[in-house]
Protein backbone atom coordinates (compact mmCIF):
# COMPACT_ATOMS: atom_id res chain seq x y z
CA MET A 1 111.43 56.49 107.15
CA GLU A 2 114.98 56.71 107.20
CA GLN A 3 116.59 53.88 105.79
CA SER A 4 120.64 52.41 105.81
CA GLY A 5 121.44 56.09 107.02
CA GLN A 6 119.43 57.70 104.87
CA LYS A 7 117.35 60.77 105.65
CA PRO A 8 113.90 61.50 104.37
CA ARG A 9 113.73 62.66 101.18
CA ILE A 10 111.19 65.76 101.16
CA VAL A 11 110.22 67.76 97.93
CA VAL A 12 107.86 70.00 97.22
CA ILE A 13 107.11 70.62 94.03
CA GLY A 14 106.15 75.05 93.33
CA GLY A 15 106.69 77.80 95.71
CA GLY A 16 103.78 80.33 95.92
CA ALA A 17 101.79 80.83 98.48
CA GLY A 18 101.63 76.95 99.54
CA GLY A 19 105.39 75.30 98.66
CA LEU A 20 107.02 78.42 99.87
CA PRO A 21 106.04 78.44 103.18
CA LEU A 22 106.15 74.74 103.40
CA VAL A 23 109.42 74.20 102.30
CA THR A 24 110.07 77.30 105.02
CA ARG A 25 108.52 75.74 107.93
CA LEU A 26 110.62 72.72 106.85
CA GLY A 27 113.42 73.65 106.70
CA ARG A 28 113.13 75.30 109.85
CA ARG A 29 111.95 72.71 112.24
CA LEU A 30 113.73 69.58 109.90
CA GLY A 31 116.32 70.10 107.49
CA LYS A 32 118.31 73.33 110.11
CA ARG A 33 118.50 69.58 112.41
CA GLY A 34 119.47 66.78 109.74
CA LYS A 35 116.32 65.18 110.22
CA ALA A 36 115.09 66.06 106.21
CA THR A 37 115.99 66.74 103.10
CA VAL A 38 113.69 69.28 101.89
CA THR A 39 114.59 70.53 97.91
CA LEU A 40 111.68 72.78 96.21
CA VAL A 41 111.41 72.48 92.67
CA ASP A 42 110.22 75.73 90.30
CA GLY A 43 110.46 76.80 86.91
CA SER A 44 111.33 80.78 88.12
CA GLY A 45 113.83 81.45 90.42
CA SER A 46 111.77 83.64 92.23
CA HIS A 47 108.82 84.48 93.94
CA ILE A 48 106.35 86.73 94.03
CA TRP A 49 103.39 86.99 96.17
CA LYS A 50 100.30 86.40 93.47
CA PRO A 51 97.59 88.18 95.05
CA ARG A 52 100.38 91.31 93.57
CA PHE A 53 99.70 90.41 90.02
CA HIS A 54 97.86 93.12 89.15
CA GLU A 55 100.50 95.81 91.19
CA VAL A 56 103.28 94.06 88.87
CA ALA A 57 100.96 94.14 85.40
CA THR A 58 100.86 98.72 86.63
CA GLY A 59 103.61 98.83 88.07
CA ALA A 60 102.38 99.87 91.46
CA ILE A 61 105.53 97.58 92.85
CA ASP A 62 109.04 96.57 91.47
CA ALA A 63 109.11 93.23 91.32
CA ASP A 64 112.68 92.60 91.04
CA LEU A 65 112.55 94.64 94.91
CA ASP A 66 109.39 92.53 96.08
CA ALA A 67 110.42 89.19 94.70
CA VAL A 68 112.12 86.58 97.00
CA ASN A 69 115.23 85.03 95.08
CA TYR A 70 114.48 81.15 96.05
CA LEU A 71 118.59 80.69 96.30
CA ALA A 72 119.15 82.71 98.85
CA HIS A 73 116.22 82.19 100.54
CA ALA A 74 116.93 78.04 100.74
CA ARG A 75 120.10 79.19 102.39
CA GLN A 76 118.46 81.24 105.13
CA ASN A 77 116.18 78.26 105.56
CA TYR A 78 117.82 74.80 105.57
CA TYR A 79 116.35 73.77 102.04
CA ARG A 80 117.39 73.04 98.44
CA PHE A 81 116.53 74.81 95.51
CA ALA A 82 115.90 72.96 92.18
CA ARG A 83 115.15 75.08 89.37
CA GLY A 84 112.60 73.62 86.92
CA TRP A 85 109.36 71.99 85.98
CA LEU A 86 107.56 68.47 86.41
CA SER A 87 107.19 67.09 83.33
CA ALA A 88 105.78 63.14 85.20
CA VAL A 89 106.53 60.87 88.79
CA ASP A 90 107.56 57.49 88.56
CA ARG A 91 104.95 56.42 91.66
CA ASP A 92 106.82 53.12 91.99
CA ALA A 93 110.00 54.33 91.64
CA LYS A 94 109.68 57.43 93.60
CA GLN A 95 111.37 59.53 91.25
CA VAL A 96 109.61 63.52 89.98
CA VAL A 97 111.04 63.24 86.61
CA LEU A 98 112.17 67.58 85.68
CA ALA A 99 112.13 68.65 82.46
CA PRO A 100 114.98 70.34 80.20
CA VAL A 101 115.67 73.64 80.90
CA THR A 102 116.19 75.83 78.26
CA ASP A 103 117.10 79.50 77.58
CA ASP A 104 115.35 82.08 75.55
CA GLN A 105 117.71 80.86 72.52
CA GLY A 106 116.29 77.10 73.01
CA GLU A 107 119.79 76.18 74.17
CA GLU A 108 119.60 73.68 77.06
CA VAL A 109 120.75 74.90 80.64
CA LEU A 110 120.03 72.01 82.05
CA PRO A 111 119.17 68.09 80.89
CA GLU A 112 116.22 66.09 82.09
CA ARG A 113 116.99 65.08 85.40
CA ARG A 114 115.63 62.74 88.60
CA LEU A 115 115.50 63.47 91.96
CA ASN A 116 113.81 61.01 94.35
CA TYR A 117 111.79 61.78 97.11
CA ASP A 118 109.94 59.42 99.98
CA TYR A 119 107.19 62.29 100.78
CA LEU A 120 105.98 64.44 97.45
CA VAL A 121 103.69 68.00 97.92
CA LEU A 122 101.97 68.81 94.78
CA ALA A 123 101.88 73.06 95.00
CA ILE A 124 101.96 73.63 91.92
CA GLY A 125 99.15 76.33 92.28
CA SER A 126 96.36 77.46 88.55
CA LEU A 127 96.46 78.77 85.55
CA GLY A 128 93.19 81.06 83.99
CA ASN A 129 90.83 79.13 82.61
CA ASP A 130 89.49 80.17 79.48
CA PHE A 131 87.00 77.39 79.01
CA ASN A 132 87.47 76.99 75.98
CA THR A 133 86.45 80.48 73.95
CA GLU A 134 87.30 80.82 70.95
CA GLY A 135 90.30 82.92 70.40
CA VAL A 136 91.23 83.45 74.24
CA ARG A 137 94.51 81.90 74.22
CA ASP A 138 95.41 83.73 71.31
CA HIS A 139 94.60 87.36 72.02
CA CYS A 140 95.01 88.37 75.74
CA LEU A 141 96.50 88.34 78.44
CA PHE A 142 97.34 86.23 81.40
CA LEU A 143 97.80 87.25 85.05
CA ASP A 144 98.69 83.62 86.01
CA SER A 145 102.41 84.26 85.95
CA ARG A 146 105.73 86.93 87.09
CA PRO A 147 106.33 87.56 82.79
CA GLN A 148 102.95 87.38 82.24
CA ALA A 149 102.75 90.22 84.15
CA ASP A 150 105.65 92.31 83.43
CA LEU A 151 104.27 91.49 79.27
CA PHE A 152 101.27 93.78 80.53
CA HIS A 153 103.03 96.04 81.79
CA GLU A 154 104.99 96.28 79.22
CA ARG A 155 102.71 97.14 76.97
CA PHE A 156 100.60 99.48 79.33
CA LEU A 157 103.07 101.68 78.54
CA ASN A 158 104.09 101.39 74.98
CA HIS A 159 99.97 102.25 75.36
CA CYS A 160 100.03 105.54 77.53
CA GLU A 161 103.50 107.19 75.77
CA ARG A 162 101.25 106.91 72.39
CA ALA A 163 98.10 108.17 74.01
CA ASN A 164 100.88 111.09 75.24
CA PHE A 165 101.32 112.38 72.08
CA SER A 166 98.33 111.37 70.53
CA ASP A 167 94.65 111.87 70.46
CA THR A 168 94.63 107.96 71.12
CA PRO A 169 92.95 106.82 74.35
CA VAL A 170 94.39 103.25 76.05
CA THR A 171 91.73 100.84 75.96
CA VAL A 172 91.86 97.91 78.47
CA ALA A 173 89.13 94.87 78.32
CA ILE A 174 89.27 92.82 81.21
CA VAL A 175 87.25 89.96 81.47
CA GLY A 176 86.14 88.50 85.27
CA GLY A 177 84.34 90.41 87.81
CA GLY A 178 86.56 88.34 90.92
CA ALA A 179 89.58 90.06 92.60
CA THR A 180 92.39 90.11 89.85
CA GLY A 181 89.15 91.74 87.99
CA VAL A 182 88.04 94.45 90.11
CA GLU A 183 91.58 95.14 91.16
CA LEU A 184 93.63 95.66 88.61
CA ALA A 185 90.48 97.75 86.58
CA ALA A 186 91.10 100.76 89.63
CA GLU A 187 95.09 99.79 89.98
CA ILE A 188 95.25 100.98 86.06
CA HIS A 189 93.12 103.91 87.29
CA HIS A 190 95.88 105.09 89.55
CA ALA A 191 99.05 104.32 86.94
CA ILE A 192 97.77 106.58 84.76
CA ALA A 193 96.40 108.83 87.57
CA VAL A 194 101.22 108.58 88.48
CA LEU A 195 102.45 108.73 85.08
CA LYS A 196 101.33 112.32 84.52
CA LEU A 197 102.98 113.22 87.35
CA TYR A 198 106.27 111.62 85.37
CA GLY A 199 107.03 113.62 82.12
CA HIS A 200 102.50 112.19 80.74
CA GLU A 201 101.34 115.50 80.38
CA GLN A 202 99.07 114.91 78.27
CA LEU A 203 97.66 112.10 80.20
CA ASP A 204 94.75 112.03 82.37
CA ARG A 205 92.29 109.75 82.91
CA SER A 206 89.96 110.73 79.89
CA LYS A 207 91.78 108.90 77.50
CA LEU A 208 91.71 106.06 79.83
CA HIS A 209 89.05 103.42 79.22
CA VAL A 210 88.82 100.06 81.54
CA HIS A 211 85.54 97.77 80.92
CA LEU A 212 85.11 94.91 82.85
CA ILE A 213 83.21 92.33 81.50
CA GLU A 214 81.52 89.95 83.95
CA ALA A 215 78.57 87.33 82.73
CA ALA A 216 77.82 86.55 86.53
CA PRO A 217 74.64 89.44 87.54
CA ARG A 218 77.12 90.74 89.85
CA LEU A 219 81.31 91.46 90.59
CA LEU A 220 82.70 89.65 93.07
CA PRO A 221 80.94 86.59 94.28
CA ALA A 222 83.24 86.06 97.52
CA LEU A 223 82.11 88.86 98.72
CA GLN A 224 78.62 90.06 100.06
CA GLU A 225 76.53 91.67 98.10
CA LYS A 226 76.11 94.90 99.83
CA LEU A 227 80.15 94.71 99.80
CA ALA A 228 79.84 93.34 95.96
CA LEU A 229 77.83 97.06 95.07
CA SER A 230 79.88 98.77 97.02
CA ALA A 231 82.87 98.27 94.52
CA GLU A 232 80.46 98.49 91.50
CA GLU A 233 79.97 101.96 92.35
CA GLU A 234 83.32 103.06 93.76
CA LEU A 235 84.85 101.82 90.26
CA LYS A 236 82.00 103.59 88.09
CA LYS A 237 83.26 106.33 89.82
CA LEU A 238 86.52 106.58 88.29
CA GLY A 239 85.31 105.62 85.23
CA VAL A 240 85.29 102.27 84.90
CA GLN A 241 82.29 100.79 82.59
CA VAL A 242 81.49 97.42 84.10
CA HIS A 243 79.69 94.88 82.45
CA THR A 244 77.25 92.40 84.79
CA ASN A 245 75.36 89.31 83.00
CA THR A 246 77.89 89.74 79.92
CA LEU A 247 79.14 86.25 78.09
CA VAL A 248 81.76 86.48 76.11
CA GLN A 249 81.66 84.59 72.66
CA ARG A 250 85.02 84.68 71.46
CA ALA A 251 88.10 87.57 71.72
CA GLU A 252 89.11 88.91 68.33
CA ALA A 253 92.88 90.83 68.53
CA ASP A 254 91.11 94.29 68.93
CA ALA A 255 88.23 93.38 70.98
CA PHE A 256 85.67 90.67 72.54
CA VAL A 257 82.32 89.65 70.93
CA THR A 258 79.61 88.92 73.72
CA LYS A 259 76.86 86.13 73.33
CA ASP A 260 74.39 88.76 72.06
CA GLY A 261 76.99 90.45 69.33
CA GLU A 262 78.18 93.27 71.04
CA ARG A 263 81.95 93.88 70.15
CA ILE A 264 84.05 95.89 73.95
CA GLU A 265 86.68 96.81 71.46
CA SER A 266 90.28 97.75 73.17
CA HIS A 267 93.92 97.90 72.56
CA LEU A 268 94.29 95.38 75.95
CA LEU A 269 92.84 92.52 76.40
CA VAL A 270 92.63 90.07 79.86
CA TRP A 271 91.14 87.29 80.96
CA ALA A 272 90.81 86.88 84.20
CA ALA A 273 87.77 84.45 84.74
CA GLY A 274 88.15 81.62 86.51
CA ILE A 275 90.80 78.82 86.69
CA LYS A 276 91.75 75.51 86.67
CA ALA A 277 94.96 73.44 87.38
CA PRO A 278 98.13 73.09 84.80
CA GLU A 279 97.64 70.04 82.97
CA ILE A 280 100.49 68.11 83.82
CA LEU A 281 98.95 66.54 87.04
CA GLY A 282 96.17 64.87 84.55
CA THR A 283 98.73 62.69 83.49
CA LEU A 284 100.29 61.31 86.80
CA GLY A 285 97.53 58.35 87.38
CA LEU A 286 96.13 60.07 90.24
CA GLU A 287 91.91 61.02 90.25
CA THR A 288 91.29 64.76 88.89
CA ASN A 289 88.24 66.47 88.88
CA ARG A 290 86.68 68.59 85.99
CA ILE A 291 89.07 71.58 86.28
CA ASN A 292 91.99 69.29 86.67
CA GLN A 293 92.35 69.57 90.40
CA LEU A 294 94.21 66.66 92.52
CA VAL A 295 91.06 64.90 94.44
CA VAL A 296 92.57 64.45 97.93
CA ASN A 297 90.87 63.58 101.51
CA ASP A 298 91.01 65.50 104.86
CA ALA A 299 94.71 65.06 105.49
CA LEU A 300 95.76 66.09 102.20
CA LEU A 301 96.65 63.17 100.59
CA THR A 302 96.24 61.77 96.95
CA GLU A 303 95.01 58.13 95.98
CA GLU A 304 98.84 57.36 96.63
CA PRO A 305 99.59 57.93 100.58
CA SER A 306 102.90 59.62 99.75
CA ILE A 307 101.73 62.13 97.67
CA PHE A 308 99.88 65.33 99.05
CA ALA A 309 98.39 68.42 97.31
CA ILE A 310 97.66 71.82 98.73
CA GLY A 311 96.36 75.60 96.77
CA ASP A 312 95.10 76.12 94.39
CA CYS A 313 96.15 72.46 92.51
CA CYS A 314 93.95 70.50 94.80
CA ALA A 315 89.87 69.59 95.58
CA CYS A 316 89.73 69.30 99.07
CA ALA A 317 85.72 69.05 100.38
CA MET A 318 84.88 70.52 103.11
CA ASP A 319 82.06 69.74 105.89
CA ASP A 320 79.08 71.26 103.93
CA GLY A 321 80.17 69.45 100.24
CA LYS A 322 82.09 72.36 98.42
CA ASN A 323 85.44 72.20 98.04
CA VAL A 324 87.65 74.91 99.91
CA PRO A 325 88.10 77.77 98.06
CA PRO A 326 91.18 78.70 95.85
CA ARG A 327 92.76 81.30 97.79
CA ALA A 328 95.83 82.46 99.31
CA GLN A 329 94.99 81.99 103.05
CA SER A 330 93.67 78.47 101.97
CA ALA A 331 97.03 77.51 100.11
CA GLN A 332 99.41 78.44 102.98
CA GLN A 333 96.68 76.98 106.39
CA MET A 334 97.28 73.73 103.70
CA ALA A 335 101.12 74.40 103.98
CA LEU A 336 101.11 74.93 107.70
CA HIS A 337 99.08 72.06 108.50
CA THR A 338 100.88 69.81 105.61
CA ALA A 339 104.50 70.76 107.31
CA ALA A 340 102.87 69.18 110.28
CA ASN A 341 101.49 65.89 108.65
CA ILE A 342 105.12 65.33 107.44
CA GLU A 343 106.27 65.59 111.03
CA ARG A 344 103.93 63.40 112.41
CA LEU A 345 104.53 60.60 109.40
CA LEU A 346 108.43 60.75 110.63
CA ARG A 347 107.34 60.26 113.82
CA GLY A 348 105.19 57.57 113.10
CA GLU A 349 102.09 59.03 114.09
CA SER A 350 99.15 59.41 112.08
CA VAL A 351 98.72 62.71 109.82
CA LYS A 352 95.73 64.45 111.38
CA PRO A 353 92.35 66.18 109.13
CA PHE A 354 92.70 69.43 107.80
CA ARG A 355 89.76 71.92 108.01
CA TYR A 356 90.00 75.31 107.09
CA ARG A 357 88.85 78.41 108.55
CA ASP A 358 87.84 81.07 106.66
CA HIS A 359 88.98 84.30 107.43
CA GLY A 360 87.03 86.26 105.05
CA SER A 361 88.07 88.19 102.23
CA LEU A 362 89.68 92.25 101.24
CA VAL A 363 89.55 93.46 97.73
CA SER A 364 91.58 96.32 97.12
CA LEU A 365 90.76 99.29 94.92
CA SER A 366 94.27 100.93 94.44
CA LYS A 367 94.88 103.42 97.33
CA TYR A 368 90.98 104.49 96.37
CA SER A 369 89.64 101.77 99.10
CA ALA A 370 89.53 98.75 100.00
CA LEU A 371 86.47 97.32 101.12
CA GLY A 372 85.74 93.09 102.12
CA ASN A 373 84.59 90.61 105.38
CA LEU A 374 86.27 89.12 107.93
CA MET A 375 86.22 86.36 109.79
CA GLY A 376 83.26 84.73 108.25
CA ASN A 377 83.56 81.36 110.02
CA LEU A 378 81.66 82.81 113.76
CA ARG A 379 79.45 81.87 114.87
CA GLY A 380 77.78 85.25 114.80
CA GLY A 381 78.89 85.55 111.56
CA SER A 382 80.83 88.10 108.78
CA ILE A 383 82.12 92.12 109.92
CA PHE A 384 81.91 93.53 107.12
CA VAL A 385 85.07 96.46 106.92
CA GLU A 386 85.64 99.56 103.76
CA GLY A 387 87.62 102.48 103.71
CA TRP A 388 91.21 102.72 105.72
CA LEU A 389 90.42 99.27 107.79
CA ALA A 390 90.24 97.62 104.89
CA ARG A 391 92.80 98.97 103.21
CA PHE A 392 95.23 98.76 106.15
CA MET A 393 94.16 94.92 107.10
CA TYR A 394 94.39 94.01 103.00
CA ILE A 395 99.01 95.29 102.91
CA GLY A 396 98.78 93.09 106.48
CA LEU A 397 97.52 90.17 104.20
CA TYR A 398 101.47 90.37 102.32
CA ARG A 399 102.87 91.44 105.87
CA PHE A 400 101.40 87.75 107.54
CA HIS A 401 102.83 86.21 104.48
CA GLN A 402 106.25 87.67 104.84
CA ALA A 403 106.68 87.31 108.44
CA ALA A 404 105.90 83.16 107.03
CA LEU A 405 108.79 83.35 105.17
CA TYR A 406 110.92 86.04 107.00
CA GLY A 407 110.17 86.06 110.26
CA TRP A 408 108.73 89.23 111.85
CA MET A 409 112.34 90.89 112.61
CA ARG A 410 112.95 90.73 109.20
CA THR A 411 110.08 91.52 107.89
CA LEU A 412 110.46 94.71 109.68
CA MET A 413 113.26 95.22 108.12
CA LEU A 414 111.42 94.72 104.86
CA LEU A 415 109.51 97.68 105.61
CA LEU A 416 111.58 99.68 106.67
CA ALA A 417 114.23 99.14 103.71
CA GLY A 418 110.03 99.59 101.70
CA ARG A 419 109.72 103.79 103.00
CA PHE A 420 113.56 104.61 102.59
CA ASN A 421 113.21 103.18 98.64
CA ARG A 422 110.30 105.53 98.17
CA LEU A 423 112.40 108.79 99.92
CA LEU A 424 114.33 107.71 96.16
CA ARG A 425 112.30 105.71 93.43
CA PRO A 426 109.25 106.40 91.49
CA ARG A 427 105.47 105.90 92.68
CA LEU A 428 105.32 103.64 89.77
CA LYS A 429 107.89 101.41 87.69
CA LEU A 430 108.23 102.84 84.60
CA HIS A 431 110.23 100.70 82.46
């Protein structure tokens, strides 16, 4: 691939659960040895593991402490970071076009730029899918990004302050009974319990009303029915009002209206039902599916042989005809496989097909419980776990993600630093 002394140029768009481990691996194996130039592009300046956005939203974790700064991480791992949002791909010139970056006052910080690539990896994740439901984009909060999680946190704390000094309850209605909706509902209850310890003496769960709304017959379709029912039972014990077989017809400023005409009133409306890929992917001239994901072959390559797509933004068919599920573990597996395939291409070898290995699903109900099924691809079936063991494994997933970014030694140091922080900082982010 190297021409006239030019190092191969690898550009990765998106620093999420797939993109960041990918540039970390490529930087350590290629950038460090001078075998390629690796560049990560993202519109944000830092990374938070997306499965933890519900904890950022409730203040269970302080995103300022848990965030990975791209510039610092790039320096440590031998890749480059370019801030910006993808606006186009010039496939003939092999360039990506980055939109101008502006500040909160509309002033231009960075102009439109073009980056040359020899290999391009699109890893821009997914967004909440409102299914064109009336009023959702106008009235609902999403948890697709750090700013959205921060906005929920700000509004949630304001409603809690109001409830502490009045008889006004805190009401939250969440559409979507998948992992995000279930975990957020549990974290909200935990946050109320902790806030009571920090000056909110009049605030307790009697002033909290959480509605979890799901169109399907049960919660957590990715889990076995037994575990989904167990999760629903735990949520009901906390006081969450679970609405299954309930289709939302529209969202209003202070309520969801169901197909049956029921109004579920709430101060905070959250939409966590389904995903779709960002609209920009539909403008690239590459094949997409009905939810805008890029269609890739078994090597995660698009119809353009120099463009890969990984994570939630791609549709990769498995042997059973279904697509690889949009999970963090899928993105991480795709990242490692794509890194190996790019190395093969640079050596003049052929790429190898990707095979997804389902390690199961885990769902955390805050500090109260956790549950899931493990090793779902084993011949003997799944192993079901609940309680403290599932909680331990759930936390372990995040530690493995950190290890992919920092290595195990630094991950252990981060774990120790977190323990010390708990001695000095409040148990909940209070601002």
